Amino acid sequence: MSRHVAVWVDHKEARVFHVVPDAVEEKTVHAPAHHLHRHPRGPEGYKEHPEEAQAFFHQVAQVLAGAEEILILGPGVAKLELIKHFHKHDHAIEPKVIGVETVDHPTDPQIVAYARKYFKAADALR
């Protein structure tokens, strides 16, 4: 498994990039297709079933097993929900997260370039 891994995540998918100096291995984990169930939760509106999100985040954690350092990227709150999942359910992954960044919907090469720059700076600080 590679030392540096970048994850771009939203509520539909997680794109995982194992970044090494001369290559990149990419894997996509798709969130389970779900129907919108109407569960009012106050002013924020309706939410999906939490067990569907937890199953998705657990699949992402399985793909991240063996990584030494993880950078989490994404446009919305899914990246924070992923970290909360690690804190509650996948304790071994949580301390490996070295950064969380908000990025919209970059292309795969943009994610890889961003991750390489980020990890290079993180390595230089050590």
N, C-alpha and C. Protein backbone atom coordinates (compact mmCIF):
# COMPACT_ATOMS: atom_id res chain seq x y z
N MET A 1 0.85 -1.17 0.00
CA MET A 1 0.00 0.00 0.00
C MET A 1 0.90 1.24 0.00
N SER A 2 0.40 2.31 -0.57
CA SER A 2 1.22 3.51 -0.68
C SER A 2 1.20 4.32 0.61
N ARG A 3 2.20 5.13 0.75
CA ARG A 3 2.34 5.98 1.91
C ARG A 3 1.29 7.10 1.91
N HIS A 4 1.12 7.77 0.77
CA HIS A 4 0.23 8.92 0.65
C HIS A 4 -1.04 8.55 -0.10
N VAL A 5 -2.18 8.88 0.49
CA VAL A 5 -3.46 8.61 -0.15
C VAL A 5 -4.33 9.86 -0.04
N ALA A 6 -4.91 10.25 -1.19
CA ALA A 6 -5.86 11.36 -1.22
C ALA A 6 -7.24 10.78 -1.50
N VAL A 7 -8.25 11.31 -0.80
CA VAL A 7 -9.64 10.87 -0.98
C VAL A 7 -10.48 12.09 -1.29
N TRP A 8 -11.14 12.08 -2.45
CA TRP A 8 -12.13 13.11 -2.74
C TRP A 8 -13.49 12.46 -2.50
N VAL A 9 -14.31 13.07 -1.66
CA VAL A 9 -15.56 12.42 -1.26
C VAL A 9 -16.73 13.40 -1.28
N ASP A 10 -17.86 12.91 -1.76
CA ASP A 10 -19.15 13.58 -1.58
C ASP A 10 -20.15 12.48 -1.22
N HIS A 11 -21.42 12.78 -1.23
CA HIS A 11 -22.40 11.78 -0.80
C HIS A 11 -22.73 10.74 -1.87
N LYS A 12 -22.15 10.89 -3.06
CA LYS A 12 -22.41 9.94 -4.14
C LYS A 12 -21.26 8.96 -4.36
N GLU A 13 -20.02 9.42 -4.11
CA GLU A 13 -18.86 8.58 -4.36
C GLU A 13 -17.65 9.08 -3.60
N ALA A 14 -16.68 8.19 -3.51
CA ALA A 14 -15.37 8.55 -2.97
C ALA A 14 -14.34 8.08 -3.99
N ARG A 15 -13.48 8.99 -4.43
CA ARG A 15 -12.40 8.63 -5.34
C ARG A 15 -11.12 8.61 -4.53
N VAL A 16 -10.47 7.47 -4.49
CA VAL A 16 -9.29 7.25 -3.65
C VAL A 16 -8.07 7.14 -4.56
N PHE A 17 -7.04 7.93 -4.27
CA PHE A 17 -5.83 7.97 -5.08
C PHE A 17 -4.63 7.61 -4.21
N HIS A 18 -3.99 6.49 -4.51
CA HIS A 18 -2.74 6.10 -3.87
C HIS A 18 -1.64 6.76 -4.70
N VAL A 19 -0.96 7.75 -4.11
CA VAL A 19 -0.01 8.57 -4.84
C VAL A 19 1.41 8.17 -4.48
N VAL A 20 2.15 7.74 -5.50
CA VAL A 20 3.58 7.47 -5.35
C VAL A 20 4.30 8.36 -6.35
N PRO A 21 5.62 8.55 -6.20
CA PRO A 21 6.31 9.51 -7.07
C PRO A 21 6.09 9.33 -8.57
N ASP A 22 6.04 8.12 -9.06
CA ASP A 22 5.95 7.94 -10.51
C ASP A 22 4.66 7.28 -10.98
N ALA A 23 3.69 7.09 -10.10
CA ALA A 23 2.45 6.43 -10.51
C ALA A 23 1.31 6.80 -9.56
N VAL A 24 0.10 6.48 -10.00
CA VAL A 24 -1.10 6.71 -9.19
C VAL A 24 -2.04 5.54 -9.41
N GLU A 25 -2.57 5.03 -8.31
CA GLU A 25 -3.59 3.99 -8.40
C GLU A 25 -4.89 4.60 -7.89
N GLU A 26 -5.95 4.52 -8.72
CA GLU A 26 -7.22 5.13 -8.36
C GLU A 26 -8.29 4.06 -8.19
N LYS A 27 -9.13 4.26 -7.18
CA LYS A 27 -10.27 3.37 -6.95
C LYS A 27 -11.46 4.24 -6.59
N THR A 28 -12.61 3.90 -7.14
CA THR A 28 -13.83 4.64 -6.83
C THR A 28 -14.77 3.75 -6.02
N VAL A 29 -15.29 4.31 -4.93
CA VAL A 29 -16.28 3.64 -4.10
C VAL A 29 -17.58 4.42 -4.26
N HIS A 30 -18.61 3.74 -4.74
CA HIS A 30 -19.90 4.40 -4.94
C HIS A 30 -20.77 4.22 -3.72
N ALA A 31 -21.46 5.29 -3.36
CA ALA A 31 -22.43 5.22 -2.26
C ALA A 31 -23.60 4.37 -2.72
N PRO A 32 -24.23 3.65 -1.81
CA PRO A 32 -25.39 2.84 -2.21
C PRO A 32 -26.49 3.73 -2.76
N ALA A 33 -27.11 3.26 -3.82
CA ALA A 33 -28.26 3.99 -4.36
C ALA A 33 -29.36 3.93 -3.31
N HIS A 34 -29.94 5.05 -3.03
CA HIS A 34 -30.97 5.07 -2.01
C HIS A 34 -32.16 5.90 -2.47
N HIS A 35 -33.26 5.59 -1.91
CA HIS A 35 -34.47 6.35 -2.17
C HIS A 35 -34.56 7.43 -1.10
N LEU A 36 -35.11 8.54 -1.48
CA LEU A 36 -35.29 9.62 -0.51
C LEU A 36 -36.46 9.26 0.39
N HIS A 37 -36.15 9.00 1.64
CA HIS A 37 -37.18 8.72 2.63
C HIS A 37 -37.44 10.00 3.40
N ARG A 38 -38.66 10.32 3.56
CA ARG A 38 -39.03 11.58 4.21
C ARG A 38 -38.99 11.42 5.73
N HIS A 39 -37.94 11.92 6.33
CA HIS A 39 -37.79 11.95 7.78
C HIS A 39 -37.50 13.39 8.17
N PRO A 40 -38.50 14.15 8.56
CA PRO A 40 -38.25 15.55 8.89
C PRO A 40 -37.30 15.67 10.07
N ARG A 41 -36.35 16.57 9.96
CA ARG A 41 -35.35 16.79 11.00
C ARG A 41 -35.23 18.28 11.32
N GLY A 42 -36.34 18.95 11.39
CA GLY A 42 -36.31 20.36 11.73
C GLY A 42 -35.99 21.22 10.52
N PRO A 43 -35.34 22.35 10.73
CA PRO A 43 -35.15 23.33 9.65
C PRO A 43 -34.23 22.84 8.53
N GLU A 44 -33.37 21.86 8.79
CA GLU A 44 -32.47 21.41 7.73
C GLU A 44 -33.15 20.51 6.70
N GLY A 45 -34.37 20.11 6.94
CA GLY A 45 -35.11 19.34 5.95
C GLY A 45 -35.02 17.85 6.15
N TYR A 46 -34.85 17.11 5.05
CA TYR A 46 -34.89 15.65 5.07
C TYR A 46 -33.48 15.09 4.96
N LYS A 47 -33.27 13.95 5.58
CA LYS A 47 -31.95 13.31 5.57
C LYS A 47 -32.08 11.87 5.11
N GLU A 48 -30.95 11.37 4.59
CA GLU A 48 -30.91 9.96 4.20
C GLU A 48 -30.78 9.10 5.45
N HIS A 49 -30.98 7.82 5.28
CA HIS A 49 -30.83 6.91 6.40
C HIS A 49 -29.37 6.84 6.81
N PRO A 50 -29.05 7.00 8.08
CA PRO A 50 -27.65 7.01 8.50
C PRO A 50 -26.94 5.69 8.27
N GLU A 51 -27.66 4.58 8.30
CA GLU A 51 -26.98 3.29 8.10
C GLU A 51 -26.44 3.16 6.68
N GLU A 52 -27.08 3.81 5.69
CA GLU A 52 -26.57 3.79 4.32
C GLU A 52 -25.26 4.57 4.25
N ALA A 53 -25.21 5.71 4.88
CA ALA A 53 -23.99 6.52 4.89
C ALA A 53 -22.87 5.79 5.62
N GLN A 54 -23.19 5.14 6.72
CA GLN A 54 -22.16 4.43 7.49
C GLN A 54 -21.58 3.27 6.70
N ALA A 55 -22.42 2.55 5.96
CA ALA A 55 -21.94 1.45 5.13
C ALA A 55 -21.00 1.98 4.05
N PHE A 56 -21.35 3.11 3.44
CA PHE A 56 -20.51 3.75 2.43
C PHE A 56 -19.16 4.16 3.04
N PHE A 57 -19.20 4.84 4.18
CA PHE A 57 -17.96 5.30 4.81
C PHE A 57 -17.09 4.12 5.26
N HIS A 58 -17.72 3.03 5.67
CA HIS A 58 -16.95 1.85 6.06
C HIS A 58 -16.23 1.24 4.85
N GLN A 59 -16.89 1.24 3.69
CA GLN A 59 -16.24 0.77 2.47
C GLN A 59 -15.02 1.64 2.14
N VAL A 60 -15.17 2.94 2.31
CA VAL A 60 -14.04 3.86 2.06
C VAL A 60 -12.91 3.54 3.03
N ALA A 61 -13.23 3.31 4.29
CA ALA A 61 -12.21 2.98 5.29
C ALA A 61 -11.47 1.70 4.91
N GLN A 62 -12.17 0.73 4.37
CA GLN A 62 -11.52 -0.51 3.97
C GLN A 62 -10.51 -0.28 2.84
N VAL A 63 -10.84 0.62 1.92
CA VAL A 63 -9.92 0.95 0.83
C VAL A 63 -8.70 1.68 1.37
N LEU A 64 -8.87 2.43 2.47
CA LEU A 64 -7.77 3.21 3.04
C LEU A 64 -6.87 2.40 3.98
N ALA A 65 -7.28 1.19 4.31
CA ALA A 65 -6.48 0.36 5.22
C ALA A 65 -5.07 0.20 4.66
N GLY A 66 -4.08 0.43 5.47
CA GLY A 66 -2.69 0.30 5.05
C GLY A 66 -2.05 1.62 4.66
N ALA A 67 -2.83 2.66 4.44
CA ALA A 67 -2.25 3.97 4.12
C ALA A 67 -1.56 4.54 5.34
N GLU A 68 -0.50 5.29 5.12
CA GLU A 68 0.21 5.91 6.23
C GLU A 68 -0.26 7.34 6.49
N GLU A 69 -0.56 8.07 5.40
CA GLU A 69 -1.04 9.44 5.53
C GLU A 69 -2.18 9.66 4.55
N ILE A 70 -3.23 10.33 5.03
CA ILE A 70 -4.44 10.50 4.23
C ILE A 70 -4.82 11.97 4.18
N LEU A 71 -5.09 12.43 2.97
CA LEU A 71 -5.62 13.77 2.74
C LEU A 71 -7.05 13.61 2.26
N ILE A 72 -7.99 14.26 2.93
CA ILE A 72 -9.40 14.17 2.57
C ILE A 72 -9.83 15.47 1.91
N LEU A 73 -10.42 15.33 0.74
CA LEU A 73 -10.87 16.47 -0.06
C LEU A 73 -12.34 16.31 -0.38
N GLY A 74 -13.02 17.41 -0.60
CA GLY A 74 -14.42 17.33 -1.01
C GLY A 74 -15.10 18.68 -1.00
N PRO A 75 -16.27 18.77 -1.64
CA PRO A 75 -16.95 20.05 -1.76
C PRO A 75 -17.87 20.40 -0.60
N GLY A 76 -18.36 19.44 0.14
CA GLY A 76 -19.37 19.72 1.17
C GLY A 76 -19.06 19.06 2.49
N VAL A 77 -20.10 18.64 3.18
CA VAL A 77 -19.95 18.10 4.53
C VAL A 77 -19.60 16.62 4.57
N ALA A 78 -19.63 15.95 3.43
CA ALA A 78 -19.34 14.51 3.42
C ALA A 78 -17.94 14.22 3.97
N LYS A 79 -16.99 15.11 3.71
CA LYS A 79 -15.62 14.88 4.22
C LYS A 79 -15.60 14.92 5.74
N LEU A 80 -16.39 15.78 6.33
CA LEU A 80 -16.45 15.87 7.79
C LEU A 80 -17.21 14.67 8.38
N GLU A 81 -18.24 14.23 7.68
CA GLU A 81 -18.98 13.04 8.11
C GLU A 81 -18.08 11.80 8.04
N LEU A 82 -17.19 11.76 7.04
CA LEU A 82 -16.24 10.65 6.93
C LEU A 82 -15.29 10.63 8.12
N ILE A 83 -14.80 11.78 8.51
CA ILE A 83 -13.90 11.86 9.67
C ILE A 83 -14.64 11.45 10.94
N LYS A 84 -15.89 11.88 11.10
CA LYS A 84 -16.68 11.48 12.26
C LYS A 84 -16.87 9.96 12.27
N HIS A 85 -17.07 9.38 11.09
CA HIS A 85 -17.19 7.93 11.01
C HIS A 85 -15.90 7.27 11.48
N PHE A 86 -14.75 7.77 11.03
CA PHE A 86 -13.47 7.20 11.47
C PHE A 86 -13.34 7.29 12.99
N HIS A 87 -13.75 8.42 13.55
CA HIS A 87 -13.65 8.63 14.99
C HIS A 87 -14.50 7.62 15.77
N LYS A 88 -15.69 7.32 15.26
CA LYS A 88 -16.60 6.42 15.97
C LYS A 88 -16.39 4.94 15.64
N HIS A 89 -16.03 4.63 14.39
CA HIS A 89 -16.08 3.24 13.95
C HIS A 89 -14.76 2.66 13.44
N ASP A 90 -13.94 3.46 12.82
CA ASP A 90 -12.68 2.98 12.23
C ASP A 90 -11.53 3.74 12.86
N HIS A 91 -11.27 3.43 14.12
CA HIS A 91 -10.30 4.17 14.93
C HIS A 91 -8.89 4.14 14.37
N ALA A 92 -8.49 3.09 13.70
CA ALA A 92 -7.13 2.99 13.18
C ALA A 92 -6.87 3.97 12.04
N ILE A 93 -7.90 4.40 11.34
CA ILE A 93 -7.75 5.31 10.21
C ILE A 93 -7.62 6.76 10.67
N GLU A 94 -8.34 7.13 11.71
CA GLU A 94 -8.43 8.54 12.13
C GLU A 94 -7.08 9.22 12.33
N PRO A 95 -6.10 8.64 13.04
CA PRO A 95 -4.84 9.36 13.24
C PRO A 95 -4.00 9.49 11.97
N LYS A 96 -4.36 8.80 10.93
CA LYS A 96 -3.61 8.88 9.68
C LYS A 96 -4.05 10.06 8.81
N VAL A 97 -5.16 10.67 9.16
CA VAL A 97 -5.65 11.83 8.41
C VAL A 97 -4.81 13.03 8.79
N ILE A 98 -4.06 13.56 7.80
CA ILE A 98 -3.18 14.70 8.08
C ILE A 98 -3.72 16.02 7.56
N GLY A 99 -4.81 15.94 6.77
CA GLY A 99 -5.37 17.18 6.26
C GLY A 99 -6.76 16.99 5.71
N VAL A 100 -7.55 18.06 5.78
CA VAL A 100 -8.90 18.10 5.23
C VAL A 100 -9.02 19.42 4.49
N GLU A 101 -9.36 19.35 3.21
CA GLU A 101 -9.42 20.54 2.38
C GLU A 101 -10.72 20.57 1.60
N THR A 102 -11.26 21.76 1.43
CA THR A 102 -12.47 21.93 0.63
C THR A 102 -12.06 22.23 -0.81
N VAL A 103 -12.46 21.34 -1.70
CA VAL A 103 -12.27 21.54 -3.14
C VAL A 103 -13.56 21.12 -3.82
N ASP A 104 -13.90 21.82 -4.89
CA ASP A 104 -15.19 21.59 -5.53
C ASP A 104 -15.24 20.26 -6.27
N HIS A 105 -15.19 20.24 -7.55
CA HIS A 105 -15.27 19.01 -8.35
C HIS A 105 -14.11 18.99 -9.35
N PRO A 106 -12.89 18.75 -8.85
CA PRO A 106 -11.74 18.74 -9.75
C PRO A 106 -11.69 17.47 -10.59
N THR A 107 -10.88 17.53 -11.63
CA THR A 107 -10.64 16.33 -12.42
C THR A 107 -9.66 15.43 -11.66
N ASP A 108 -9.54 14.20 -12.08
CA ASP A 108 -8.60 13.28 -11.43
C ASP A 108 -7.17 13.82 -11.48
N PRO A 109 -6.68 14.30 -12.63
CA PRO A 109 -5.32 14.86 -12.64
C PRO A 109 -5.14 16.06 -11.70
N GLN A 110 -6.18 16.86 -11.53
CA GLN A 110 -6.11 17.99 -10.61
C GLN A 110 -6.01 17.50 -9.16
N ILE A 111 -6.75 16.45 -8.83
CA ILE A 111 -6.68 15.89 -7.48
C ILE A 111 -5.27 15.36 -7.21
N VAL A 112 -4.72 14.63 -8.17
CA VAL A 112 -3.38 14.06 -8.01
C VAL A 112 -2.34 15.17 -7.85
N ALA A 113 -2.43 16.21 -8.68
CA ALA A 113 -1.48 17.32 -8.58
C ALA A 113 -1.61 18.01 -7.22
N TYR A 114 -2.83 18.24 -6.77
CA TYR A 114 -3.06 18.87 -5.47
C TYR A 114 -2.48 18.01 -4.35
N ALA A 115 -2.73 16.70 -4.42
CA ALA A 115 -2.23 15.79 -3.39
C ALA A 115 -0.71 15.77 -3.37
N ARG A 116 -0.08 15.69 -4.54
CA ARG A 116 1.39 15.67 -4.58
C ARG A 116 1.97 16.93 -3.96
N LYS A 117 1.39 18.08 -4.29
CA LYS A 117 1.85 19.35 -3.72
C LYS A 117 1.65 19.36 -2.20
N TYR A 118 0.50 18.90 -1.74
CA TYR A 118 0.18 18.89 -0.32
C TYR A 118 1.14 17.97 0.44
N PHE A 119 1.30 16.75 -0.04
CA PHE A 119 2.17 15.79 0.64
C PHE A 119 3.64 16.21 0.60
N LYS A 120 4.06 16.85 -0.49
CA LYS A 120 5.45 17.34 -0.58
C LYS A 120 5.68 18.40 0.50
N ALA A 121 4.73 19.31 0.67
CA ALA A 121 4.85 20.33 1.72
C ALA A 121 4.82 19.70 3.12
N ALA A 122 3.94 18.73 3.31
CA ALA A 122 3.86 18.05 4.62
C ALA A 122 5.16 17.31 4.93
N ASP A 123 5.73 16.65 3.93
CA ASP A 123 7.00 15.94 4.14
C ASP A 123 8.14 16.91 4.44
N ALA A 124 8.11 18.09 3.81
CA ALA A 124 9.17 19.07 4.04
C ALA A 124 9.14 19.63 5.46
N LEU A 125 7.96 19.63 6.08
CA LEU A 125 7.84 20.15 7.44
C LEU A 125 8.40 19.20 8.49
N ARG A 126 8.62 17.95 8.12
CA ARG A 126 9.14 16.97 9.08
C ARG A 126 10.64 16.99 9.14
